[in-house]
Protein backbone atom coordinates (compact mmCIF):
# COMPACT_ATOMS: atom_id res chain seq x y z
CA UNK A 1 -16.67 -17.87 15.65
CA UNK A 2 -17.84 -14.66 13.99
CA UNK A 3 -15.63 -11.90 12.64
CA UNK A 4 -16.19 -8.25 11.91
CA UNK A 5 -16.06 -7.42 8.21
CA UNK A 6 -15.59 -3.84 7.05
CA UNK A 7 -16.95 -3.22 3.57
CA UNK A 8 -15.52 -0.22 1.77
CA UNK A 9 -16.99 1.39 -1.30
CA UNK A 10 -20.66 1.53 -0.29
CA UNK A 11 -21.94 5.02 -0.93
CA UNK A 12 -24.75 6.51 1.14
CA UNK A 13 -27.40 5.66 -1.46
CA UNK A 14 -26.49 1.96 -1.60
CA UNK A 15 -26.28 1.77 2.19
CA UNK A 16 -29.70 3.41 2.53
CA UNK A 17 -31.28 1.06 -0.03
CA UNK A 18 -29.80 -1.96 1.72
CA UNK A 19 -31.15 -0.75 5.07
CA UNK A 20 -34.63 -0.15 3.63
CA UNK A 21 -34.76 -3.57 1.99
CA UNK A 22 -33.60 -5.32 5.14
CA UNK A 23 -36.30 -3.53 7.15
CA UNK A 24 -39.02 -4.37 4.61
CA UNK A 25 -38.08 -8.04 4.56
CA UNK A 26 -37.45 -8.13 8.31
CA UNK A 27 -33.97 -9.57 7.96
CA UNK A 28 -30.65 -8.14 9.04
CA UNK A 29 -28.19 -6.45 6.72
CA UNK A 30 -25.70 -9.03 7.98
CA UNK A 31 -27.89 -11.82 6.54
CA UNK A 32 -28.02 -10.12 3.14
CA UNK A 33 -24.25 -9.64 3.00
CA UNK A 34 -23.57 -13.17 4.27
CA UNK A 35 -25.86 -14.61 1.60
CA UNK A 36 -24.09 -12.58 -1.12
CA UNK A 37 -20.67 -13.77 0.06
CA UNK A 38 -21.85 -17.39 0.27
CA UNK A 39 -23.21 -17.21 -3.29
CA UNK A 40 -19.94 -15.67 -4.53
CA UNK A 41 -17.88 -18.38 -2.84
CA UNK A 42 -20.08 -21.11 -4.30
CA UNK A 43 -19.72 -19.58 -7.77
CA UNK A 44 -15.93 -19.41 -7.40
CA UNK A 45 -15.75 -23.07 -6.41
CA UNK A 46 -17.65 -23.99 -9.57
CA UNK A 47 -15.53 -21.77 -11.79
CA UNK A 48 -12.47 -23.13 -13.57
CA UNK A 49 -11.13 -19.66 -14.31
CA UNK A 50 -8.80 -18.47 -11.56
CA UNK A 51 -9.25 -14.85 -10.55
CA UNK A 52 -6.72 -12.58 -9.02
CA UNK A 53 -7.78 -9.64 -6.89
CA UNK A 54 -5.56 -6.88 -5.60
CA UNK A 55 -6.13 -5.36 -2.18
CA UNK A 56 -4.84 -1.83 -1.82
CA UNK A 57 -4.86 -0.27 1.63
CA UNK A 58 -4.32 3.45 2.17
CA UNK A 59 -3.25 4.96 5.45
CA UNK A 60 -5.16 8.21 4.98
CA UNK A 61 -7.15 10.31 2.50
CA UNK A 62 -4.06 12.15 1.30
CA UNK A 63 -2.28 8.98 0.17
CA UNK A 64 -5.45 7.84 -1.58
CA UNK A 65 -5.65 11.12 -3.50
CA UNK A 66 -2.02 10.68 -4.62
CA UNK A 67 -2.98 7.36 -6.24
CA UNK A 68 -4.76 9.08 -9.12
């Protein structure tokens, strides 16, 4: 079963570069992102150092600006 993944933090330039590369190589952006995630997961399984990530979700732009 597939799931929709929303990736935050891509600026317009990165998104444009990713789109251009996917068109040149005739593969989907989804394939590029899936490959990157698979490689990251494989690396984490081989790593002995545990990593902790924090997910912060903001309800709107105003609350995000107050974070500073």
